[in-house]
């Protein structure tokens, strides 16, 4: 049980870290910068659940977990993710 919780916590932390790295690749000035690590955290948890099912049923190798986390974060924050609107200098939204 302790091993499952350790892997779960490490996957969530790595997901939050990867989400923060995605924040660095965006141009500054976008709304909700805190959303990137939170989405990364949720993506890490989801990737761990997928890995746990795969490891239990098919014996998936351990190196698959970080790849699943990075892919999950990339899908949720990358080009298929939400588009963030940039605020103009006077407070109006950009077009």
PDB file of N, CA and C in Angstrom:
ATOM      1  N   UNK A   1       0.813  -1.191   0.000  1.00  0.00           N
ATOM      2  CA  UNK A   1       0.000   0.000   0.000  1.00  0.00           C
ATOM      3  C   UNK A   1       0.861   1.260   0.000  1.00  0.00           C
ATOM      4  N   UNK A   2       1.945   1.216   0.759  1.00  0.00           N
ATOM      5  CA  UNK A   2       2.824   2.371   0.842  1.00  0.00           C
ATOM      6  C   UNK A   2       3.502   2.631  -0.503  1.00  0.00           C
ATOM      7  N   UNK A   3       3.800   1.584  -1.245  1.00  0.00           N
ATOM      8  CA  UNK A   3       4.412   1.740  -2.557  1.00  0.00           C
ATOM      9  C   UNK A   3       3.440   2.402  -3.543  1.00  0.00           C
ATOM     10  N   UNK A   4       2.175   2.048  -3.467  1.00  0.00           N
ATOM     11  CA  UNK A   4       1.164   2.653  -4.343  1.00  0.00           C
ATOM     12  C   UNK A   4       1.035   4.147  -4.047  1.00  0.00           C
ATOM     13  N   UNK A   5       0.993   4.502  -2.763  1.00  0.00           N
ATOM     14  CA  UNK A   5       0.880   5.911  -2.395  1.00  0.00           C
ATOM     15  C   UNK A   5       2.121   6.700  -2.799  1.00  0.00           C
ATOM     16  N   UNK A   6       3.287   6.086  -2.688  1.00  0.00           N
ATOM     17  CA  UNK A   6       4.518   6.762  -3.094  1.00  0.00           C
ATOM     18  C   UNK A   6       4.528   7.021  -4.598  1.00  0.00           C
ATOM     19  N   UNK A   7       4.170   6.028  -5.383  1.00  0.00           N
ATOM     20  CA  UNK A   7       4.109   6.213  -6.837  1.00  0.00           C
ATOM     21  C   UNK A   7       3.040   7.232  -7.214  1.00  0.00           C
ATOM     22  N   UNK A   8       1.910   7.208  -6.518  1.00  0.00           N
ATOM     23  CA  UNK A   8       0.829   8.156  -6.761  1.00  0.00           C
ATOM     24  C   UNK A   8       1.301   9.595  -6.493  1.00  0.00           C
ATOM     25  N   UNK A   9       1.977   9.798  -5.370  1.00  0.00           N
ATOM     26  CA  UNK A   9       2.470  11.135  -5.021  1.00  0.00           C
ATOM     27  C   UNK A   9       3.550  11.596  -5.994  1.00  0.00           C
ATOM     28  N   UNK A  10       4.420  10.692  -6.392  1.00  0.00           N
ATOM     29  CA  UNK A  10       5.475  11.058  -7.344  1.00  0.00           C
ATOM     30  C   UNK A  10       4.886  11.387  -8.709  1.00  0.00           C
ATOM     31  N   UNK A  11       3.877  10.661  -9.143  1.00  0.00           N
ATOM     32  CA  UNK A  11       3.236  10.945 -10.427  1.00  0.00           C
ATOM     33  C   UNK A  11       2.527  12.294 -10.386  1.00  0.00           C
ATOM     34  N   UNK A  12       1.854  12.597  -9.285  1.00  0.00           N
ATOM     35  CA  UNK A  12       1.171  13.882  -9.153  1.00  0.00           C
ATOM     36  C   UNK A  12       2.176  15.033  -9.132  1.00  0.00           C
ATOM     37  N   UNK A  13       3.272  14.859  -8.429  1.00  0.00           N
ATOM     38  CA  UNK A  13       4.302  15.899  -8.373  1.00  0.00           C
ATOM     39  C   UNK A  13       4.959  16.102  -9.730  1.00  0.00           C
ATOM     40  N   UNK A  14       5.271  15.031 -10.413  1.00  0.00           N
ATOM     41  CA  UNK A  14       5.880  15.147 -11.737  1.00  0.00           C
ATOM     42  C   UNK A  14       4.911  15.785 -12.727  1.00  0.00           C
ATOM     43  N   UNK A  15       3.634  15.492 -12.599  1.00  0.00           N
ATOM     44  CA  UNK A  15       2.633  16.127 -13.452  1.00  0.00           C
ATOM     45  C   UNK A  15       2.551  17.622 -13.204  1.00  0.00           C
ATOM     46  N   UNK A  16       2.569  18.042 -11.930  1.00  0.00           N
ATOM     47  CA  UNK A  16       2.538  19.474 -11.604  1.00  0.00           C
ATOM     48  C   UNK A  16       3.794  20.169 -12.117  1.00  0.00           C
ATOM     49  N   UNK A  17       4.944  19.509 -11.998  1.00  0.00           N
ATOM     50  CA  UNK A  17       6.192  20.074 -12.504  1.00  0.00           C
ATOM     51  C   UNK A  17       6.156  20.216 -14.022  1.00  0.00           C
ATOM     52  N   UNK A  18       5.657  19.201 -14.704  1.00  0.00           N
ATOM     53  CA  UNK A  18       5.557  19.254 -16.163  1.00  0.00           C
ATOM     54  C   UNK A  18       4.571  20.334 -16.595  1.00  0.00           C
ATOM     55  N   UNK A  19       3.473  20.492 -15.876  1.00  0.00           N
ATOM     56  CA  UNK A  19       2.530  21.567 -16.162  1.00  0.00           C
ATOM     57  C   UNK A  19       3.171  22.936 -15.980  1.00  0.00           C
ATOM     58  N   UNK A  20       4.008  23.073 -14.961  1.00  0.00           N
ATOM     59  CA  UNK A  20       4.723  24.333 -14.757  1.00  0.00           C
ATOM     60  C   UNK A  20       5.698  24.604 -15.889  1.00  0.00           C
ATOM     61  N   UNK A  21       6.329  23.567 -16.402  1.00  0.00           N
ATOM     62  CA  UNK A  21       7.226  23.749 -17.552  1.00  0.00           C
ATOM     63  C   UNK A  21       6.454  24.189 -18.789  1.00  0.00           C
ATOM     64  N   UNK A  22       5.242  23.701 -18.950  1.00  0.00           N
ATOM     65  CA  UNK A  22       4.406  24.157 -20.063  1.00  0.00           C
ATOM     66  C   UNK A  22       4.057  25.628 -19.903  1.00  0.00           C
ATOM     67  N   UNK A  23       3.917  26.090 -18.669  1.00  0.00           N
ATOM     68  CA  UNK A  23       3.647  27.515 -18.431  1.00  0.00           C
ATOM     69  C   UNK A  23       4.818  28.361 -18.916  1.00  0.00           C
ATOM     70  N   UNK A  24       6.029  27.867 -18.755  1.00  0.00           N
ATOM     71  CA  UNK A  24       7.202  28.616 -19.201  1.00  0.00           C
ATOM     72  C   UNK A  24       7.291  28.717 -20.720  1.00  0.00           C
ATOM     73  N   UNK A  25       6.682  27.782 -21.428  1.00  0.00           N
ATOM     74  CA  UNK A  25       6.744  27.823 -22.887  1.00  0.00           C
ATOM     75  C   UNK A  25       5.710  28.761 -23.482  1.00  0.00           C
ATOM     76  N   UNK A  26       4.721  29.190 -22.701  1.00  0.00           N
ATOM     77  CA  UNK A  26       3.713  30.129 -23.193  1.00  0.00           C
ATOM     78  C   UNK A  26       4.253  31.546 -23.110  1.00  0.00           C
ATOM     79  N   UNK A  27       3.703  32.408 -23.939  1.00  0.00           N
ATOM     80  CA  UNK A  27       4.081  33.820 -23.865  1.00  0.00           C
ATOM     81  C   UNK A  27       3.478  34.435 -22.613  1.00  0.00           C
ATOM     82  N   UNK A  28       4.177  35.386 -22.005  1.00  0.00           N
ATOM     83  CA  UNK A  28       3.641  36.014 -20.792  1.00  0.00           C
ATOM     84  C   UNK A  28       2.415  36.865 -21.109  1.00  0.00           C
ATOM     85  N   UNK A  29       1.582  37.074 -20.109  1.00  0.00           N
ATOM     86  CA  UNK A  29       0.414  37.922 -20.251  1.00  0.00           C
ATOM     87  C   UNK A  29      -0.894  37.164 -20.342  1.00  0.00           C
ATOM     88  N   UNK A  30      -0.854  35.855 -20.262  1.00  0.00           N
ATOM     89  CA  UNK A  30      -2.092  35.081 -20.333  1.00  0.00           C
ATOM     90  C   UNK A  30      -2.735  34.985 -18.966  1.00  0.00           C
ATOM     91  N   UNK A  31      -4.039  34.819 -18.965  1.00  0.00           N
ATOM     92  CA  UNK A  31      -4.772  34.696 -17.712  1.00  0.00           C
ATOM     93  C   UNK A  31      -4.527  33.330 -17.081  1.00  0.00           C
ATOM     94  N   UNK A  32      -4.797  33.251 -15.816  1.00  0.00           N
ATOM     95  CA  UNK A  32      -4.772  32.014 -15.027  1.00  0.00           C
ATOM     96  C   UNK A  32      -3.468  31.222 -15.144  1.00  0.00           C
ATOM     97  N   UNK A  33      -2.332  31.779 -14.722  1.00  0.00           N
ATOM     98  CA  UNK A  33      -1.088  31.011 -14.792  1.00  0.00           C
ATOM     99  C   UNK A  33      -1.049  29.852 -13.812  1.00  0.00           C
ATOM    100  N   UNK A  34      -1.832  29.913 -12.730  1.00  0.00           N
ATOM    101  CA  UNK A  34      -1.847  28.830 -11.744  1.00  0.00           C
ATOM    102  C   UNK A  34      -2.536  27.587 -12.285  1.00  0.00           C
ATOM    103  N   UNK A  35      -3.289  27.736 -13.366  1.00  0.00           N
ATOM    104  CA  UNK A  35      -4.015  26.603 -13.920  1.00  0.00           C
ATOM    105  C   UNK A  35      -3.070  25.554 -14.505  1.00  0.00           C
ATOM    106  N   UNK A  36      -1.901  25.961 -14.985  1.00  0.00           N
ATOM    107  CA  UNK A  36      -0.971  25.020 -15.600  1.00  0.00           C
ATOM    108  C   UNK A  36      -0.495  23.940 -14.628  1.00  0.00           C
ATOM    109  N   UNK A  37       0.011  24.283 -13.426  1.00  0.00           N
ATOM    110  CA  UNK A  37       0.402  23.204 -12.513  1.00  0.00           C
ATOM    111  C   UNK A  37      -0.778  22.388 -12.003  1.00  0.00           C
ATOM    112  N   UNK A  38      -1.943  23.012 -11.869  1.00  0.00           N
ATOM    113  CA  UNK A  38      -3.116  22.264 -11.391  1.00  0.00           C
ATOM    114  C   UNK A  38      -3.552  21.239 -12.439  1.00  0.00           C
ATOM    115  N   UNK A  39      -3.596  21.654 -13.701  1.00  0.00           N
ATOM    116  CA  UNK A  39      -3.935  20.713 -14.772  1.00  0.00           C
ATOM    117  C   UNK A  39      -2.866  19.630 -14.866  1.00  0.00           C
ATOM    118  N   UNK A  40      -1.605  20.000 -14.681  1.00  0.00           N
ATOM    119  CA  UNK A  40      -0.531  19.004 -14.665  1.00  0.00           C
ATOM    120  C   UNK A  40      -0.683  18.011 -13.531  1.00  0.00           C
ATOM    121  N   UNK A  41      -1.097  18.496 -12.369  1.00  0.00           N
ATOM    122  CA  UNK A  41      -1.333  17.616 -11.223  1.00  0.00           C
ATOM    123  C   UNK A  41      -2.441  16.617 -11.527  1.00  0.00           C
ATOM    124  N   UNK A  42      -3.538  17.098 -12.070  1.00  0.00           N
ATOM    125  CA  UNK A  42      -4.657  16.223 -12.415  1.00  0.00           C
ATOM    126  C   UNK A  42      -4.259  15.243 -13.522  1.00  0.00           C
ATOM    127  N   UNK A  43      -3.467  15.723 -14.496  1.00  0.00           N
ATOM    128  CA  UNK A  43      -2.994  14.836 -15.562  1.00  0.00           C
ATOM    129  C   UNK A  43      -2.058  13.762 -15.011  1.00  0.00           C
ATOM    130  N   UNK A  44      -1.231  14.107 -14.040  1.00  0.00           N
ATOM    131  CA  UNK A  44      -0.362  13.115 -13.412  1.00  0.00           C
ATOM    132  C   UNK A  44      -1.144  12.047 -12.678  1.00  0.00           C
ATOM    133  N   UNK A  45      -2.180  12.462 -11.982  1.00  0.00           N
ATOM    134  CA  UNK A  45      -3.034  11.503 -11.273  1.00  0.00           C
ATOM    135  C   UNK A  45      -3.755  10.592 -12.257  1.00  0.00           C
ATOM    136  N   UNK A  46      -4.272  11.176 -13.331  1.00  0.00           N
ATOM    137  CA  UNK A  46      -4.962  10.376 -14.348  1.00  0.00           C
ATOM    138  C   UNK A  46      -4.001   9.403 -15.033  1.00  0.00           C
ATOM    139  N   UNK A  47      -2.810   9.876 -15.344  1.00  0.00           N
ATOM    140  CA  UNK A  47      -1.821   8.998 -15.980  1.00  0.00           C
ATOM    141  C   UNK A  47      -1.432   7.852 -15.048  1.00  0.00           C
ATOM    142  N   UNK A  48      -1.344   8.128 -13.741  1.00  0.00           N
ATOM    143  CA  UNK A  48      -1.031   7.045 -12.811  1.00  0.00           C
ATOM    144  C   UNK A  48      -2.152   6.005 -12.775  1.00  0.00           C
ATOM    145  N   UNK A  49      -3.389   6.458 -12.813  1.00  0.00           N
ATOM    146  CA  UNK A  49      -4.509   5.512 -12.827  1.00  0.00           C
ATOM    147  C   UNK A  49      -4.454   4.623 -14.073  1.00  0.00           C
ATOM    148  N   UNK A  50      -4.151   5.237 -15.213  1.00  0.00           N
ATOM    149  CA  UNK A  50      -4.023   4.461 -16.456  1.00  0.00           C
ATOM    150  C   UNK A  50      -2.866   3.467 -16.336  1.00  0.00           C
ATOM    151  N   UNK A  51      -1.736   3.934 -15.792  1.00  0.00           N
ATOM    152  CA  UNK A  51      -0.577   3.054 -15.626  1.00  0.00           C
ATOM    153  C   UNK A  51      -0.879   1.918 -14.665  1.00  0.00           C
ATOM    154  N   UNK A  52      -1.584   2.214 -13.582  1.00  0.00           N
ATOM    155  CA  UNK A  52      -1.885   1.175 -12.599  1.00  0.00           C
ATOM    156  C   UNK A  52      -2.748   0.072 -13.215  1.00  0.00           C
ATOM    157  N   UNK A  53      -3.724   0.462 -14.012  1.00  0.00           N
ATOM    158  CA  UNK A  53      -4.573  -0.528 -14.686  1.00  0.00           C
ATOM    159  C   UNK A  53      -3.741  -1.345 -15.678  1.00  0.00           C
ATOM    160  N   UNK A  54      -2.894  -0.656 -16.446  1.00  0.00           N
ATOM    161  CA  UNK A  54      -2.053  -1.371 -17.415  1.00  0.00           C
ATOM    162  C   UNK A  54      -1.063  -2.307 -16.724  1.00  0.00           C
ATOM    163  N   UNK A  55      -0.462  -1.848 -15.629  1.00  0.00           N
ATOM    164  CA  UNK A  55       0.503  -2.684 -14.910  1.00  0.00           C
ATOM    165  C   UNK A  55      -0.176  -3.883 -14.257  1.00  0.00           C
ATOM    166  N   UNK A  56      -1.381  -3.695 -13.788  1.00  0.00           N
ATOM    167  CA  UNK A  56      -2.097  -4.800 -13.141  1.00  0.00           C
ATOM    168  C   UNK A  56      -2.561  -5.848 -14.142  1.00  0.00           C
ATOM    169  N   UNK A  57      -2.972  -5.399 -15.319  1.00  0.00           N
ATOM    170  CA  UNK A  57      -3.531  -6.344 -16.284  1.00  0.00           C
ATOM    171  C   UNK A  57      -2.488  -6.925 -17.236  1.00  0.00           C
ATOM    172  N   UNK A  58      -1.579  -6.087 -17.717  1.00  0.00           N
ATOM    173  CA  UNK A  58      -0.634  -6.570 -18.734  1.00  0.00           C
ATOM    174  C   UNK A  58       0.805  -6.600 -18.275  1.00  0.00           C
ATOM    175  N   UNK A  59       1.100  -6.088 -17.075  1.00  0.00           N
ATOM    176  CA  UNK A  59       2.479  -6.062 -16.606  1.00  0.00           C
ATOM    177  C   UNK A  59       3.302  -5.001 -17.320  1.00  0.00           C
ATOM    178  N   UNK A  60       2.746  -3.829 -17.500  1.00  0.00           N
ATOM    179  CA  UNK A  60       3.427  -2.741 -18.204  1.00  0.00           C
ATOM    180  C   UNK A  60       4.712  -2.362 -17.473  1.00  0.00           C
ATOM    181  N   UNK A  61       5.757  -2.003 -18.212  1.00  0.00           N
ATOM    182  CA  UNK A  61       7.029  -1.635 -17.573  1.00  0.00           C
ATOM    183  C   UNK A  61       6.928  -0.297 -16.840  1.00  0.00           C
ATOM    184  N   UNK A  62       7.803  -0.089 -15.873  1.00  0.00           N
ATOM    185  CA  UNK A  62       7.781   1.108 -15.044  1.00  0.00           C
ATOM    186  C   UNK A  62       8.106   2.372 -15.826  1.00  0.00           C
ATOM    187  N   UNK A  63       8.951   2.270 -16.858  1.00  0.00           N
ATOM    188  CA  UNK A  63       9.339   3.457 -17.622  1.00  0.00           C
ATOM    189  C   UNK A  63       8.173   4.061 -18.403  1.00  0.00           C
ATOM    190  N   UNK A  64       7.065   3.354 -18.469  1.00  0.00           N
ATOM    191  CA  UNK A  64       5.897   3.869 -19.180  1.00  0.00           C
ATOM    192  C   UNK A  64       5.199   5.006 -18.423  1.00  0.00           C
ATOM    193  N   UNK A  65       5.321   5.019 -17.084  1.00  0.00           N
ATOM    194  CA  UNK A  65       4.622   6.028 -16.286  1.00  0.00           C
ATOM    195  C   UNK A  65       5.055   7.455 -16.611  1.00  0.00           C
ATOM    196  N   UNK A  66       6.338   7.817 -16.640  1.00  0.00           N
ATOM    197  CA  UNK A  66       6.681   9.204 -16.986  1.00  0.00           C
ATOM    198  C   UNK A  66       6.267   9.594 -18.398  1.00  0.00           C
ATOM    199  N   UNK A  67       6.304   8.647 -19.315  1.00  0.00           N
ATOM    200  CA  UNK A  67       5.880   8.937 -20.688  1.00  0.00           C
ATOM    201  C   UNK A  67       4.385   9.220 -20.718  1.00  0.00           C
ATOM    202  N   UNK A  68       3.609   8.439 -19.983  1.00  0.00           N
ATOM    203  CA  UNK A  68       2.168   8.686 -19.905  1.00  0.00           C
ATOM    204  C   UNK A  68       1.865  10.050 -19.283  1.00  0.00           C
ATOM    205  N   UNK A  69       2.621  10.433 -18.273  1.00  0.00           N
ATOM    206  CA  UNK A  69       2.390  11.725 -17.626  1.00  0.00           C
ATOM    207  C   UNK A  69       2.670  12.869 -18.590  1.00  0.00           C
ATOM    208  N   UNK A  70       3.812  12.813 -19.270  1.00  0.00           N
ATOM    209  CA  UNK A  70       4.167  13.883 -20.207  1.00  0.00           C
ATOM    210  C   UNK A  70       3.156  13.944 -21.353  1.00  0.00           C
ATOM    211  N   UNK A  71       2.744  12.802 -21.867  1.00  0.00           N
ATOM    212  CA  UNK A  71       1.749  12.794 -22.940  1.00  0.00           C
ATOM    213  C   UNK A  71       0.404  13.344 -22.474  1.00  0.00           C
ATOM    214  N   UNK A  72       0.009  12.990 -21.273  1.00  0.00           N
ATOM    215  CA  UNK A  72      -1.258  13.476 -20.742  1.00  0.00           C
ATOM    216  C   UNK A  72      -1.231  14.995 -20.564  1.00  0.00           C
ATOM    217  N   UNK A  73      -0.147  15.523 -20.015  1.00  0.00           N
ATOM    218  CA  UNK A  73      -0.021  16.969 -19.838  1.00  0.00           C
ATOM    219  C   UNK A  73       0.024  17.655 -21.194  1.00  0.00           C
ATOM    220  N   UNK A  74       0.746  17.079 -22.123  1.00  0.00           N
ATOM    221  CA  UNK A  74       0.837  17.680 -23.454  1.00  0.00           C
ATOM    222  C   UNK A  74      -0.534  17.718 -24.132  1.00  0.00           C
ATOM    223  N   UNK A  75      -1.301  16.644 -23.992  1.00  0.00           N
ATOM    224  CA  UNK A  75      -2.635  16.640 -24.596  1.00  0.00           C
ATOM    225  C   UNK A  75      -3.557  17.666 -23.956  1.00  0.00           C
ATOM    226  N   UNK A  76      -3.454  17.835 -22.650  1.00  0.00           N
ATOM    227  CA  UNK A  76      -4.367  18.737 -21.953  1.00  0.00           C
ATOM    228  C   UNK A  76      -3.934  20.189 -22.016  1.00  0.00           C
ATOM    229  N   UNK A  77      -2.638  20.470 -22.169  1.00  0.00           N
ATOM    230  CA  UNK A  77      -2.152  21.848 -22.199  1.00  0.00           C
ATOM    231  C   UNK A  77      -1.518  22.240 -23.522  1.00  0.00           C
ATOM    232  N   UNK A  78      -1.282  21.269 -24.376  1.00  0.00           N
ATOM    233  CA  UNK A  78      -0.595  21.536 -25.633  1.00  0.00           C
ATOM    234  C   UNK A  78      -1.506  22.082 -26.708  1.00  0.00           C
ATOM    235  N   UNK A  79      -1.235  21.727 -27.938  1.00  0.00           N
ATOM    236  CA  UNK A  79      -1.993  22.303 -29.053  1.00  0.00           C
ATOM    237  C   UNK A  79      -3.468  21.915 -29.060  1.00  0.00           C
ATOM    238  N   UNK A  80      -3.837  20.817 -28.460  1.00  0.00           N
ATOM    239  CA  UNK A  80      -5.242  20.429 -28.400  1.00  0.00           C
ATOM    240  C   UNK A  80      -5.912  20.914 -27.130  1.00  0.00           C
ATOM    241  N   UNK A  81      -5.168  21.601 -26.285  1.00  0.00           N
ATOM    242  CA  UNK A  81      -5.693  22.080 -25.011  1.00  0.00           C
ATOM    243  C   UNK A  81      -6.471  23.371 -25.150  1.00  0.00           C
ATOM    244  N   UNK A  82      -6.839  23.962 -24.022  1.00  0.00           N
ATOM    245  CA  UNK A  82      -7.628  25.194 -24.057  1.00  0.00           C
ATOM    246  C   UNK A  82      -6.811  26.360 -24.592  1.00  0.00           C
ATOM    247  N   UNK A  83      -7.497  27.264 -25.254  1.00  0.00           N
ATOM    248  CA  UNK A  83      -6.855  28.471 -25.756  1.00  0.00           C
ATOM    249  C   UNK A  83      -7.099  29.587 -24.745  1.00  0.00           C
ATOM    250  N   UNK A  84      -6.043  30.269 -24.365  1.00  0.00           N
ATOM    251  CA  UNK A  84      -6.138  31.335 -23.381  1.00  0.00           C
ATOM    252  C   UNK A  84      -6.140  32.681 -24.086  1.00  0.00           C
ATOM    253  N   UNK A  85      -7.008  33.552 -23.629  1.00  0.00           N
ATOM    254  CA  UNK A  85      -7.095  34.878 -24.221  1.00  0.00           C
ATOM    255  C   UNK A  85      -6.108  35.810 -23.529  1.00  0.00           C
ATOM    256  N   UNK A  86      -5.512  36.644 -24.307  1.00  0.00           N
ATOM    257  CA  UNK A  86      -4.545  37.592 -23.775  1.00  0.00           C
ATOM    258  C   UNK A  86      -5.266  38.894 -23.439  1.00  0.00           C
ATOM    259  N   UNK A  87      -4.955  39.463 -22.285  1.00  0.00           N
ATOM    260  CA  UNK A  87      -5.549  40.728 -21.892  1.00  0.00           C
ATOM    261  C   UNK A  87      -4.795  41.874 -22.556  1.00  0.00           C
ATOM    262  N   UNK A  88      -5.545  42.826 -23.070  1.00  0.00           N
ATOM    263  CA  UNK A  88      -4.938  44.020 -23.646  1.00  0.00           C
ATOM    264  C   UNK A  88      -4.514  44.962 -22.517  1.00  0.00           C
ATOM    265  N   UNK A  89      -3.797  46.011 -22.861  1.00  0.00           N
ATOM    266  CA  UNK A  89      -3.292  46.934 -21.854  1.00  0.00           C
ATOM    267  C   UNK A  89      -4.408  47.683 -21.128  1.00  0.00           C
ATOM    268  N   UNK A  90      -5.527  47.936 -21.805  1.00  0.00           N
ATOM    269  CA  UNK A  90      -6.621  48.664 -21.169  1.00  0.00           C
ATOM    270  C   UNK A  90      -7.622  47.751 -20.464  1.00  0.00           C
ATOM    271  N   UNK A  91      -7.347  46.467 -20.370  1.00  0.00           N
ATOM    272  CA  UNK A  91      -8.210  45.529 -19.666  1.00  0.00           C
ATOM    273  C   UNK A  91      -9.202  44.814 -20.552  1.00  0.00           C
ATOM    274  N   UNK A  92      -9.291  45.190 -21.841  1.00  0.00           N
ATOM    275  CA  UNK A  92     -10.188  44.513 -22.768  1.00  0.00           C
ATOM    276  C   UNK A  92      -9.535  43.228 -23.252  1.00  0.00           C
ATOM    277  N   UNK A  93     -10.383  42.301 -23.660  1.00  0.00           N
ATOM    278  CA  UNK A  93      -9.863  41.047 -24.183  1.00  0.00           C
ATOM    279  C   UNK A  93      -9.421  41.237 -25.631  1.00  0.00           C
ATOM    280  N   UNK A  94      -8.370  40.522 -26.010  1.00  0.00           N
ATOM    281  CA  UNK A  94      -7.899  40.557 -27.393  1.00  0.00           C
ATOM    282  C   UNK A  94      -8.811  39.765 -28.313  1.00  0.00           C
ATOM    283  N   UNK A  95      -8.662  39.989 -29.581  1.00  0.00           N
ATOM    284  CA  UNK A  95      -9.503  39.271 -30.543  1.00  0.00           C
ATOM    285  C   UNK A  95      -8.722  38.209 -31.251  1.00  0.00           C
TER     286      UNK A  95
END
